[in-house]
Amino acid sequence: AAGGASFYTPSGKRNVSGAYIQDKLTWDWLEIIAGLRYDSYKLESDVGETSGNRLSPRITVGVSPFETASLEGLQFYGTYAEGYRSPSLSETLISGNHPAGVSFPFL
């Protein structure tokens, strides 16, 4: 009587796109890898429409400070990166009250 799973899943259209570029620079004992990712989305339904985009950076720095044969190839590195996930139709365009007699609406 309270509806089924599809009752609370709005119908609509979701377009998602992305592009990524990366480059690696190496100097003797230092290695730098830098990248950028662009993400974009658009959600459309009878309830409403929303869209968004984001540029997410990534950088890795690696250091190989040893030249001795026993430690050659040992590298210390650190990475900083950000990410972005576009929302689904259910997360964004849902509306109505919660099921099973709960008296507050989805926002």
PDB file of N, CA and C in Angstrom:
ATOM      1  N   ALA A   1       0.821  -1.208   0.000  1.00  0.00           N
ATOM      2  CA  ALA A   1       0.000   0.000   0.000  1.00  0.00           C
ATOM      3  C   ALA A   1       0.859   1.265   0.000  1.00  0.00           C
ATOM      4  N   ALA A   2       2.060   1.193   0.539  1.00  0.00           N
ATOM      5  CA  ALA A   2       2.954   2.359   0.606  1.00  0.00           C
ATOM      6  C   ALA A   2       3.770   2.522  -0.671  1.00  0.00           C
ATOM      7  N   GLY A   3       3.554   1.652  -1.652  1.00  0.00           N
ATOM      8  CA  GLY A   3       4.318   1.739  -2.889  1.00  0.00           C
ATOM      9  C   GLY A   3       5.497   0.786  -2.867  1.00  0.00           C
ATOM     10  N   GLY A   4       6.139   0.642  -4.017  1.00  0.00           N
ATOM     11  CA  GLY A   4       7.292  -0.252  -4.116  1.00  0.00           C
ATOM     12  C   GLY A   4       8.567   0.529  -4.287  1.00  0.00           C
ATOM     13  N   ALA A   5       9.645  -0.189  -4.566  1.00  0.00           N
ATOM     14  CA  ALA A   5      10.953   0.450  -4.721  1.00  0.00           C
ATOM     15  C   ALA A   5      10.947   1.443  -5.885  1.00  0.00           C
ATOM     16  N   SER A   6      10.242   1.119  -6.972  1.00  0.00           N
ATOM     17  CA  SER A   6      10.220   2.013  -8.131  1.00  0.00           C
ATOM     18  C   SER A   6       9.345   3.254  -7.889  1.00  0.00           C
ATOM     19  N   PHE A   7       8.487   3.207  -6.882  1.00  0.00           N
ATOM     20  CA  PHE A   7       7.636   4.339  -6.560  1.00  0.00           C
ATOM     21  C   PHE A   7       8.468   5.553  -6.130  1.00  0.00           C
ATOM     22  N   TYR A   8       9.586   5.305  -5.447  1.00  0.00           N
ATOM     23  CA  TYR A   8      10.435   6.377  -4.947  1.00  0.00           C
ATOM     24  C   TYR A   8      11.650   6.645  -5.835  1.00  0.00           C
ATOM     25  N   THR A   9      11.738   5.966  -6.952  1.00  0.00           N
ATOM     26  CA  THR A   9      12.833   6.190  -7.899  1.00  0.00           C
ATOM     27  C   THR A   9      12.286   6.994  -9.068  1.00  0.00           C
ATOM     28  N   PRO A  10      12.657   8.258  -9.173  1.00  0.00           N
ATOM     29  CA  PRO A  10      12.104   9.083 -10.244  1.00  0.00           C
ATOM     30  C   PRO A  10      12.658   8.674 -11.601  1.00  0.00           C
ATOM     31  N   SER A  11      11.842   8.828 -12.625  1.00  0.00           N
ATOM     32  CA  SER A  11      12.331   8.573 -13.969  1.00  0.00           C
ATOM     33  C   SER A  11      12.967   9.862 -14.485  1.00  0.00           C
ATOM     34  N   GLY A  12      13.889   9.724 -15.388  1.00  0.00           N
ATOM     35  CA  GLY A  12      14.560  10.896 -15.929  1.00  0.00           C
ATOM     36  C   GLY A  12      15.727  10.496 -16.806  1.00  0.00           C
ATOM     37  N   LYS A  13      16.525  11.477 -17.130  1.00  0.00           N
ATOM     38  CA  LYS A  13      17.667  11.273 -18.014  1.00  0.00           C
ATOM     39  C   LYS A  13      18.920  11.798 -17.312  1.00  0.00           C
ATOM     40  N   ARG A  14      19.995  11.036 -17.360  1.00  0.00           N
ATOM     41  CA  ARG A  14      21.260  11.414 -16.726  1.00  0.00           C
ATOM     42  C   ARG A  14      22.372  11.348 -17.760  1.00  0.00           C
ATOM     43  N   ASN A  15      23.045  12.465 -17.974  1.00  0.00           N
ATOM     44  CA  ASN A  15      24.203  12.523 -18.860  1.00  0.00           C
ATOM     45  C   ASN A  15      25.441  12.811 -18.016  1.00  0.00           C
ATOM     46  N   VAL A  16      26.470  11.982 -18.182  1.00  0.00           N
ATOM     47  CA  VAL A  16      27.711  12.132 -17.432  1.00  0.00           C
ATOM     48  C   VAL A  16      28.865  12.072 -18.425  1.00  0.00           C
ATOM     49  N   SER A  17      29.831  12.989 -18.268  1.00  0.00           N
ATOM     50  CA  SER A  17      31.002  12.955 -19.144  1.00  0.00           C
ATOM     51  C   SER A  17      32.240  13.348 -18.348  1.00  0.00           C
ATOM     52  N   GLY A  18      33.392  12.976 -18.868  1.00  0.00           N
ATOM     53  CA  GLY A  18      34.644  13.302 -18.198  1.00  0.00           C
ATOM     54  C   GLY A  18      35.817  13.201 -19.154  1.00  0.00           C
ATOM     55  N   ALA A  19      36.884  13.877 -18.795  1.00  0.00           N
ATOM     56  CA  ALA A  19      38.128  13.829 -19.578  1.00  0.00           C
ATOM     57  C   ALA A  19      39.294  13.921 -18.602  1.00  0.00           C
ATOM     58  N   TYR A  20      40.404  13.258 -18.928  1.00  0.00           N
ATOM     59  CA  TYR A  20      41.559  13.226 -18.037  1.00  0.00           C
ATOM     60  C   TYR A  20      42.831  13.443 -18.846  1.00  0.00           C
ATOM     61  N   ILE A  21      43.736  14.247 -18.286  1.00  0.00           N
ATOM     62  CA  ILE A  21      45.037  14.463 -18.925  1.00  0.00           C
ATOM     63  C   ILE A  21      46.108  14.324 -17.839  1.00  0.00           C
ATOM     64  N   GLN A  22      47.232  13.701 -18.213  1.00  0.00           N
ATOM     65  CA  GLN A  22      48.303  13.454 -17.248  1.00  0.00           C
ATOM     66  C   GLN A  22      49.648  13.556 -17.946  1.00  0.00           C
ATOM     67  N   ASP A  23      50.653  14.017 -17.203  1.00  0.00           N
ATOM     68  CA  ASP A  23      52.016  14.087 -17.736  1.00  0.00           C
ATOM     69  C   ASP A  23      52.987  13.661 -16.640  1.00  0.00           C
ATOM     70  N   LYS A  24      54.114  13.099 -17.066  1.00  0.00           N
ATOM     71  CA  LYS A  24      55.135  12.634 -16.133  1.00  0.00           C
ATOM     72  C   LYS A  24      56.465  13.277 -16.495  1.00  0.00           C
ATOM     73  N   LEU A  25      57.103  13.899 -15.501  1.00  0.00           N
ATOM     74  CA  LEU A  25      58.407  14.519 -15.686  1.00  0.00           C
ATOM     75  C   LEU A  25      59.405  13.804 -14.780  1.00  0.00           C
ATOM     76  N   THR A  26      60.582  13.485 -15.318  1.00  0.00           N
ATOM     77  CA  THR A  26      61.603  12.780 -14.547  1.00  0.00           C
ATOM     78  C   THR A  26      62.939  13.498 -14.682  1.00  0.00           C
ATOM     79  N   TRP A  27      63.567  13.761 -13.543  1.00  0.00           N
ATOM     80  CA  TRP A  27      64.914  14.303 -13.498  1.00  0.00           C
ATOM     81  C   TRP A  27      65.730  13.435 -12.552  1.00  0.00           C
ATOM     82  N   ASP A  28      66.733  12.818 -13.025  1.00  0.00           N
ATOM     83  CA  ASP A  28      67.666  12.036 -12.224  1.00  0.00           C
ATOM     84  C   ASP A  28      66.976  11.290 -11.086  1.00  0.00           C
ATOM     85  N   TRP A  29      66.870  11.855  -9.895  1.00  0.00           N
ATOM     86  CA  TRP A  29      66.308  11.187  -8.718  1.00  0.00           C
ATOM     87  C   TRP A  29      64.886  11.657  -8.376  1.00  0.00           C
ATOM     88  N   LEU A  30      64.324  12.585  -9.155  1.00  0.00           N
ATOM     89  CA  LEU A  30      63.015  13.163  -8.879  1.00  0.00           C
ATOM     90  C   LEU A  30      62.027  12.837  -9.996  1.00  0.00           C
ATOM     91  N   GLU A  31      60.813  12.461  -9.594  1.00  0.00           N
ATOM     92  CA  GLU A  31      59.754  12.156 -10.559  1.00  0.00           C
ATOM     93  C   GLU A  31      58.483  12.893 -10.136  1.00  0.00           C
ATOM     94  N   ILE A  32      57.856  13.591 -11.079  1.00  0.00           N
ATOM     95  CA  ILE A  32      56.619  14.322 -10.807  1.00  0.00           C
ATOM     96  C   ILE A  32      55.568  13.888 -11.832  1.00  0.00           C
ATOM     97  N   ILE A  33      54.432  13.500 -11.332  1.00  0.00           N
ATOM     98  CA  ILE A  33      53.301  13.131 -12.190  1.00  0.00           C
ATOM     99  C   ILE A  33      52.152  14.068 -11.832  1.00  0.00           C
ATOM    100  N   ALA A  34      51.661  14.815 -12.803  1.00  0.00           N
ATOM    101  CA  ALA A  34      50.558  15.754 -12.581  1.00  0.00           C
ATOM    102  C   ALA A  34      49.413  15.427 -13.529  1.00  0.00           C
ATOM    103  N   GLY A  35      48.207  15.571 -13.028  1.00  0.00           N
ATOM    104  CA  GLY A  35      47.042  15.294 -13.854  1.00  0.00           C
ATOM    105  C   GLY A  35      45.864  16.169 -13.483  1.00  0.00           C
ATOM    106  N   LEU A  36      44.956  16.332 -14.424  1.00  0.00           N
ATOM    107  CA  LEU A  36      43.701  17.053 -14.220  1.00  0.00           C
ATOM    108  C   LEU A  36      42.566  16.230 -14.814  1.00  0.00           C
ATOM    109  N   ARG A  37      41.457  16.168 -14.093  1.00  0.00           N
ATOM    110  CA  ARG A  37      40.270  15.483 -14.596  1.00  0.00           C
ATOM    111  C   ARG A  37      39.107  16.459 -14.567  1.00  0.00           C
ATOM    112  N   TYR A  38      38.367  16.511 -15.670  1.00  0.00           N
ATOM    113  CA  TYR A  38      37.163  17.339 -15.768  1.00  0.00           C
ATOM    114  C   TYR A  38      35.963  16.403 -15.798  1.00  0.00           C
ATOM    115  N   ASP A  39      34.990  16.641 -14.917  1.00  0.00           N
ATOM    116  CA  ASP A  39      33.755  15.865 -14.876  1.00  0.00           C
ATOM    117  C   ASP A  39      32.562  16.798 -14.997  1.00  0.00           C
ATOM    118  N   SER A  40      31.522  16.324 -15.681  1.00  0.00           N
ATOM    119  CA  SER A  40      30.317  17.105 -15.885  1.00  0.00           C
ATOM    120  C   SER A  40      29.100  16.178 -15.857  1.00  0.00           C
ATOM    121  N   TYR A  41      27.974  16.696 -15.348  1.00  0.00           N
ATOM    122  CA  TYR A  41      26.744  15.903 -15.376  1.00  0.00           C
ATOM    123  C   TYR A  41      25.535  16.815 -15.582  1.00  0.00           C
ATOM    124  N   LYS A  42      24.450  16.214 -16.061  1.00  0.00           N
ATOM    125  CA  LYS A  42      23.177  16.909 -16.206  1.00  0.00           C
ATOM    126  C   LYS A  42      22.065  15.900 -15.943  1.00  0.00           C
ATOM    127  N   LEU A  43      21.142  16.256 -15.059  1.00  0.00           N
ATOM    128  CA  LEU A  43      20.000  15.407 -14.728  1.00  0.00           C
ATOM    129  C   LEU A  43      18.725  16.136 -15.122  1.00  0.00           C
ATOM    130  N   GLU A  44      17.825  15.422 -15.803  1.00  0.00           N
ATOM    131  CA  GLU A  44      16.552  16.012 -16.227  1.00  0.00           C
ATOM    132  C   GLU A  44      15.418  15.053 -15.917  1.00  0.00           C
ATOM    133  N   SER A  45      14.308  15.599 -15.421  1.00  0.00           N
ATOM    134  CA  SER A  45      13.094  14.809 -15.217  1.00  0.00           C
ATOM    135  C   SER A  45      11.891  15.751 -15.202  1.00  0.00           C
ATOM    136  N   ASP A  46      10.717  15.172 -15.020  1.00  0.00           N
ATOM    137  CA  ASP A  46       9.505  15.987 -14.904  1.00  0.00           C
ATOM    138  C   ASP A  46       9.520  16.801 -13.609  1.00  0.00           C
ATOM    139  N   VAL A  47      10.240  16.336 -12.597  1.00  0.00           N
ATOM    140  CA  VAL A  47      10.302  17.008 -11.292  1.00  0.00           C
ATOM    141  C   VAL A  47      11.203  18.229 -11.346  1.00  0.00           C
ATOM    142  N   GLY A  48      12.292  18.162 -12.090  1.00  0.00           N
ATOM    143  CA  GLY A  48      13.226  19.282 -12.148  1.00  0.00           C
ATOM    144  C   GLY A  48      14.459  18.954 -12.962  1.00  0.00           C
ATOM    145  N   GLU A  49      15.416  19.845 -12.871  1.00  0.00           N
ATOM    146  CA  GLU A  49      16.656  19.704 -13.650  1.00  0.00           C
ATOM    147  C   GLU A  49      17.814  20.257 -12.813  1.00  0.00           C
ATOM    148  N   THR A  50      18.962  19.610 -12.911  1.00  0.00           N
ATOM    149  CA  THR A  50      20.153  20.105 -12.237  1.00  0.00           C
ATOM    150  C   THR A  50      21.392  19.681 -13.026  1.00  0.00           C
ATOM    151  N   SER A  51      22.479  20.411 -12.842  1.00  0.00           N
ATOM    152  CA  SER A  51      23.723  20.067 -13.528  1.00  0.00           C
ATOM    153  C   SER A  51      24.899  20.570 -12.704  1.00  0.00           C
ATOM    154  N   GLY A  52      26.079  20.118 -13.050  1.00  0.00           N
ATOM    155  CA  GLY A  52      27.279  20.553 -12.354  1.00  0.00           C
ATOM    156  C   GLY A  52      28.522  20.076 -13.070  1.00  0.00           C
ATOM    157  N   ASN A  53      29.663  20.662 -12.694  1.00  0.00           N
ATOM    158  CA  ASN A  53      30.934  20.217 -13.258  1.00  0.00           C
ATOM    159  C   ASN A  53      32.038  20.552 -12.267  1.00  0.00           C
ATOM    160  N   ARG A  54      33.192  19.922 -12.473  1.00  0.00           N
ATOM    161  CA  ARG A  54      34.317  20.129 -11.557  1.00  0.00           C
ATOM    162  C   ARG A  54      35.614  19.742 -12.224  1.00  0.00           C
ATOM    163  N   LEU A  55      36.671  20.479 -11.893  1.00  0.00           N
ATOM    164  CA  LEU A  55      38.032  20.174 -12.314  1.00  0.00           C
ATOM    165  C   LEU A  55      38.773  19.645 -11.081  1.00  0.00           C
ATOM    166  N   SER A  56      39.257  18.407 -11.147  1.00  0.00           N
ATOM    167  CA  SER A  56      39.903  17.756 -10.005  1.00  0.00           C
ATOM    168  C   SER A  56      41.393  17.564 -10.278  1.00  0.00           C
ATOM    169  N   PRO A  57      42.261  18.089  -9.408  1.00  0.00           N
ATOM    170  CA  PRO A  57      43.706  17.950  -9.611  1.00  0.00           C
ATOM    171  C   PRO A  57      44.272  16.670  -8.994  1.00  0.00           C
ATOM    172  N   ARG A  58      45.446  16.270  -9.491  1.00  0.00           N
ATOM    173  CA  ARG A  58      46.191  15.140  -8.926  1.00  0.00           C
ATOM    174  C   ARG A  58      47.671  15.416  -9.135  1.00  0.00           C
ATOM    175  N   ILE A  59      48.479  15.219  -8.097  1.00  0.00           N
ATOM    176  CA  ILE A  59      49.925  15.365  -8.237  1.00  0.00           C
ATOM    177  C   ILE A  59      50.612  14.297  -7.382  1.00  0.00           C
ATOM    178  N   THR A  60      51.642  13.690  -7.952  1.00  0.00           N
ATOM    179  CA  THR A  60      52.469  12.705  -7.257  1.00  0.00           C
ATOM    180  C   THR A  60      53.916  13.145  -7.377  1.00  0.00           C
ATOM    181  N   VAL A  61      54.632  13.100  -6.268  1.00  0.00           N
ATOM    182  CA  VAL A  61      56.056  13.411  -6.263  1.00  0.00           C
ATOM    183  C   VAL A  61      56.780  12.188  -5.722  1.00  0.00           C
ATOM    184  N   GLY A  62      57.752  11.705  -6.488  1.00  0.00           N
ATOM    185  CA  GLY A  62      58.545  10.550  -6.090  1.00  0.00           C
ATOM    186  C   GLY A  62      60.021  10.913  -6.010  1.00  0.00           C
ATOM    187  N   VAL A  63      60.703  10.379  -4.998  1.00  0.00           N
ATOM    188  CA  VAL A  63      62.124  10.642  -4.803  1.00  0.00           C
ATOM    189  C   VAL A  63      62.848   9.310  -4.707  1.00  0.00           C
ATOM    190  N   SER A  64      63.902   9.140  -5.498  1.00  0.00           N
ATOM    191  CA  SER A  64      64.760   7.950  -5.456  1.00  0.00           C
ATOM    192  C   SER A  64      66.155   8.397  -5.022  1.00  0.00           C
ATOM    193  N   PRO A  65      66.404   8.514  -3.712  1.00  0.00           N
ATOM    194  CA  PRO A  65      67.637   9.131  -3.238  1.00  0.00           C
ATOM    195  C   PRO A  65      68.859   8.207  -3.179  1.00  0.00           C
ATOM    196  N   PHE A  66      68.689   6.926  -3.436  1.00  0.00           N
ATOM    197  CA  PHE A  66      69.798   5.989  -3.257  1.00  0.00           C
ATOM    198  C   PHE A  66      70.421   5.578  -4.582  1.00  0.00           C
ATOM    199  N   GLU A  67      71.741   5.513  -4.609  1.00  0.00           N
ATOM    200  CA  GLU A  67      72.464   5.077  -5.811  1.00  0.00           C
ATOM    201  C   GLU A  67      73.170   3.748  -5.612  1.00  0.00           C
ATOM    202  N   THR A  68      73.221   3.241  -4.395  1.00  0.00           N
ATOM    203  CA  THR A  68      73.888   1.961  -4.146  1.00  0.00           C
ATOM    204  C   THR A  68      73.088   0.831  -4.774  1.00  0.00           C
ATOM    205  N   ALA A  69      73.794  -0.215  -5.169  1.00  0.00           N
ATOM    206  CA  ALA A  69      73.156  -1.332  -5.874  1.00  0.00           C
ATOM    207  C   ALA A  69      72.080  -2.008  -5.029  1.00  0.00           C
ATOM    208  N   SER A  70      72.296  -2.098  -3.722  1.00  0.00           N
ATOM    209  CA  SER A  70      71.329  -2.797  -2.875  1.00  0.00           C
ATOM    210  C   SER A  70      70.026  -2.008  -2.674  1.00  0.00           C
ATOM    211  N   LEU A  71      70.067  -0.684  -2.803  1.00  0.00           N
ATOM    212  CA  LEU A  71      68.871   0.153  -2.609  1.00  0.00           C
ATOM    213  C   LEU A  71      68.385   0.818  -3.887  1.00  0.00           C
ATOM    214  N   GLU A  72      69.031   0.531  -4.991  1.00  0.00           N
ATOM    215  CA  GLU A  72      68.620   1.126  -6.262  1.00  0.00           C
ATOM    216  C   GLU A  72      67.198   0.687  -6.603  1.00  0.00           C
ATOM    217  N   GLY A  73      66.395   1.607  -7.025  1.00  0.00           N
ATOM    218  CA  GLY A  73      65.000   1.311  -7.354  1.00  0.00           C
ATOM    219  C   GLY A  73      64.035   1.597  -6.218  1.00  0.00           C
ATOM    220  N   LEU A  74      64.550   1.824  -5.003  1.00  0.00           N
ATOM    221  CA  LEU A  74      63.688   2.178  -3.880  1.00  0.00           C
ATOM    222  C   LEU A  74      63.243   3.632  -4.050  1.00  0.00           C
ATOM    223  N   GLN A  75      61.931   3.844  -4.005  1.00  0.00           N
ATOM    224  CA  GLN A  75      61.391   5.184  -4.221  1.00  0.00           C
ATOM    225  C   GLN A  75      60.402   5.533  -3.109  1.00  0.00           C
ATOM    226  N   PHE A  76      60.481   6.756  -2.620  1.00  0.00           N
ATOM    227  CA  PHE A  76      59.511   7.299  -1.676  1.00  0.00           C
ATOM    228  C   PHE A  76      58.623   8.259  -2.468  1.00  0.00           C
ATOM    229  N   TYR A  77      57.317   8.160  -2.255  1.00  0.00           N
ATOM    230  CA  TYR A  77      56.437   9.051  -3.011  1.00  0.00           C
ATOM    231  C   TYR A  77      55.219   9.437  -2.180  1.00  0.00           C
ATOM    232  N   GLY A  78      54.614  10.517  -2.574  1.00  0.00           N
ATOM    233  CA  GLY A  78      53.373  10.982  -1.974  1.00  0.00           C
ATOM    234  C   GLY A  78      52.449  11.501  -3.063  1.00  0.00           C
ATOM    235  N   THR A  79      51.165  11.335  -2.839  1.00  0.00           N
ATOM    236  CA  THR A  79      50.167  11.764  -3.825  1.00  0.00           C
ATOM    237  C   THR A  79      49.097  12.605  -3.155  1.00  0.00           C
ATOM    238  N   TYR A  80      48.690  13.663  -3.827  1.00  0.00           N
ATOM    239  CA  TYR A  80      47.528  14.446  -3.445  1.00  0.00           C
ATOM    240  C   TYR A  80      46.560  14.398  -4.620  1.00  0.00           C
ATOM    241  N   ALA A  81      45.302  14.055  -4.344  1.00  0.00           N
ATOM    242  CA  ALA A  81      44.314  13.979  -5.415  1.00  0.00           C
ATOM    243  C   ALA A  81      42.937  14.336  -4.865  1.00  0.00           C
ATOM    244  N   GLU A  82      42.113  14.883  -5.727  1.00  0.00           N
ATOM    245  CA  GLU A  82      40.726  15.167  -5.404  1.00  0.00           C
ATOM    246  C   GLU A  82      39.846  14.423  -6.404  1.00  0.00           C
ATOM    247  N   GLY A  83      38.638  14.099  -5.996  1.00  0.00           N
ATOM    248  CA  GLY A  83      37.725  13.381  -6.871  1.00  0.00           C
ATOM    249  C   GLY A  83      36.345  14.012  -6.865  1.00  0.00           C
ATOM    250  N   TYR A  84      35.507  13.582  -7.780  1.00  0.00           N
ATOM    251  CA  TYR A  84      34.159  14.133  -7.927  1.00  0.00           C
ATOM    252  C   TYR A  84      33.248  13.025  -8.415  1.00  0.00           C
ATOM    253  N   ARG A  85      32.113  12.884  -7.788  1.00  0.00           N
ATOM    254  CA  ARG A  85      31.121  11.895  -8.215  1.00  0.00           C
ATOM    255  C   ARG A  85      29.803  12.612  -8.442  1.00  0.00           C
ATOM    256  N   SER A  86      29.279  12.474  -9.621  1.00  0.00           N
ATOM    257  CA  SER A  86      27.998  13.107  -9.904  1.00  0.00           C
ATOM    258  C   SER A  86      26.876  12.326  -9.218  1.00  0.00           C
ATOM    259  N   PRO A  87      25.831  13.009  -8.770  1.00  0.00           N
ATOM    260  CA  PRO A  87      24.724  12.330  -8.085  1.00  0.00           C
ATOM    261  C   PRO A  87      23.842  11.554  -9.061  1.00  0.00           C
ATOM    262  N   SER A  88      23.129  10.596  -8.527  1.00  0.00           N
ATOM    263  CA  SER A  88      22.182   9.837  -9.340  1.00  0.00           C
ATOM    264  C   SER A  88      20.833  10.551  -9.366  1.00  0.00           C
ATOM    265  N   LEU A  89      19.924  10.060 -10.204  1.00  0.00           N
ATOM    266  CA  LEU A  89      18.574  10.622 -10.251  1.00  0.00           C
ATOM    267  C   LEU A  89      17.883  10.463  -8.896  1.00  0.00           C
ATOM    268  N   SER A  90      18.044   9.299  -8.267  1.00  0.00           N
ATOM    269  CA  SER A  90      17.390   9.049  -6.974  1.00  0.00           C
ATOM    270  C   SER A  90      17.896   9.990  -5.896  1.00  0.00           C
ATOM    271  N   GLU A  91      19.192  10.281  -5.887  1.00  0.00           N
ATOM    272  CA  GLU A  91      19.755  11.157  -4.870  1.00  0.00           C
ATOM    273  C   GLU A  91      19.321  12.610  -5.045  1.00  0.00           C
ATOM    274  N   THR A  92      19.035  13.018  -6.260  1.00  0.00           N
ATOM    275  CA  THR A  92      18.801  14.425  -6.547  1.00  0.00           C
ATOM    276  C   THR A  92      17.334  14.778  -6.765  1.00  0.00           C
ATOM    277  N   LEU A  93      16.603  13.971  -7.494  1.00  0.00           N
ATOM    278  CA  LEU A  93      15.261  14.358  -7.935  1.00  0.00           C
ATOM    279  C   LEU A  93      14.135  13.646  -7.204  1.00  0.00           C
ATOM    280  N   ILE A  94      14.445  12.906  -6.150  1.00  0.00           N
ATOM    281  CA  ILE A  94      13.398  12.198  -5.410  1.00  0.00           C
ATOM    282  C   ILE A  94      12.515  13.209  -4.673  1.00  0.00           C
ATOM    283  N   SER A  95      11.244  12.893  -4.545  1.00  0.00           N
ATOM    284  CA  SER A  95      10.334  13.785  -3.825  1.00  0.00           C
ATOM    285  C   SER A  95       9.236  12.956  -3.173  1.00  0.00           C
ATOM    286  N   GLY A  96       8.528  13.556  -2.262  1.00  0.00           N
ATOM    287  CA  GLY A  96       7.435  12.866  -1.578  1.00  0.00           C
ATOM    288  C   GLY A  96       7.812  12.495  -0.156  1.00  0.00           C
ATOM    289  N   ASN A  97       6.894  11.800   0.530  1.00  0.00           N
ATOM    290  CA  ASN A  97       7.117  11.378   1.909  1.00  0.00           C
ATOM    291  C   ASN A  97       7.822  10.027   1.963  1.00  0.00           C
ATOM    292  N   HIS A  98       8.495   9.781   3.076  1.00  0.00           N
ATOM    293  CA  HIS A  98       9.117   8.485   3.308  1.00  0.00           C
ATOM    294  C   HIS A  98       8.036   7.407   3.357  1.00  0.00           C
ATOM    295  N   PRO A  99       8.387   6.163   3.031  1.00  0.00           N
ATOM    296  CA  PRO A  99       7.384   5.086   3.051  1.00  0.00           C
ATOM    297  C   PRO A  99       7.050   4.623   4.475  1.00  0.00           C
ATOM    298  N   ALA A 100       6.053   3.789   4.574  1.00  0.00           N
ATOM    299  CA  ALA A 100       5.651   3.066   5.788  1.00  0.00           C
ATOM    300  C   ALA A 100       5.235   3.995   6.922  1.00  0.00           C
ATOM    301  N   GLY A 101       4.501   5.058   6.602  1.00  0.00           N
ATOM    302  CA  GLY A 101       3.905   5.883   7.629  1.00  0.00           C
ATOM    303  C   GLY A 101       4.807   6.909   8.302  1.00  0.00           C
ATOM    304  N   VAL A 102       6.041   7.064   7.865  1.00  0.00           N
ATOM    305  CA  VAL A 102       6.914   8.093   8.419  1.00  0.00           C
ATOM    306  C   VAL A 102       6.421   9.427   7.890  1.00  0.00           C
ATOM    307  N   SER A 103       6.326  10.427   8.755  1.00  0.00           N
ATOM    308  CA  SER A 103       5.618  11.647   8.364  1.00  0.00           C
ATOM    309  C   SER A 103       6.536  12.822   7.975  1.00  0.00           C
ATOM    310  N   PHE A 104       7.721  12.569   7.419  1.00  0.00           N
ATOM    311  CA  PHE A 104       8.530  13.680   6.929  1.00  0.00           C
ATOM    312  C   PHE A 104       8.958  13.422   5.494  1.00  0.00           C
ATOM    313  N   PRO A 105       9.106  14.488   4.705  1.00  0.00           N
ATOM    314  CA  PRO A 105       9.377  14.328   3.269  1.00  0.00           C
ATOM    315  C   PRO A 105      10.874  14.172   2.959  1.00  0.00           C
ATOM    316  N   PHE A 106      11.116  13.587   1.783  1.00  0.00           N
ATOM    317  CA  PHE A 106      12.460  13.597   1.219  1.00  0.00           C
ATOM    318  C   PHE A 106      12.772  15.034   0.821  1.00  0.00           C
ATOM    319  N   LEU A 107      13.991  15.496   1.046  1.00  0.00           N
ATOM    320  CA  LEU A 107      14.388  16.834   0.637  1.00  0.00           C
ATOM    321  C   LEU A 107      15.521  16.750  -0.352  1.00  0.00           C
TER     322      LEU A 107
END
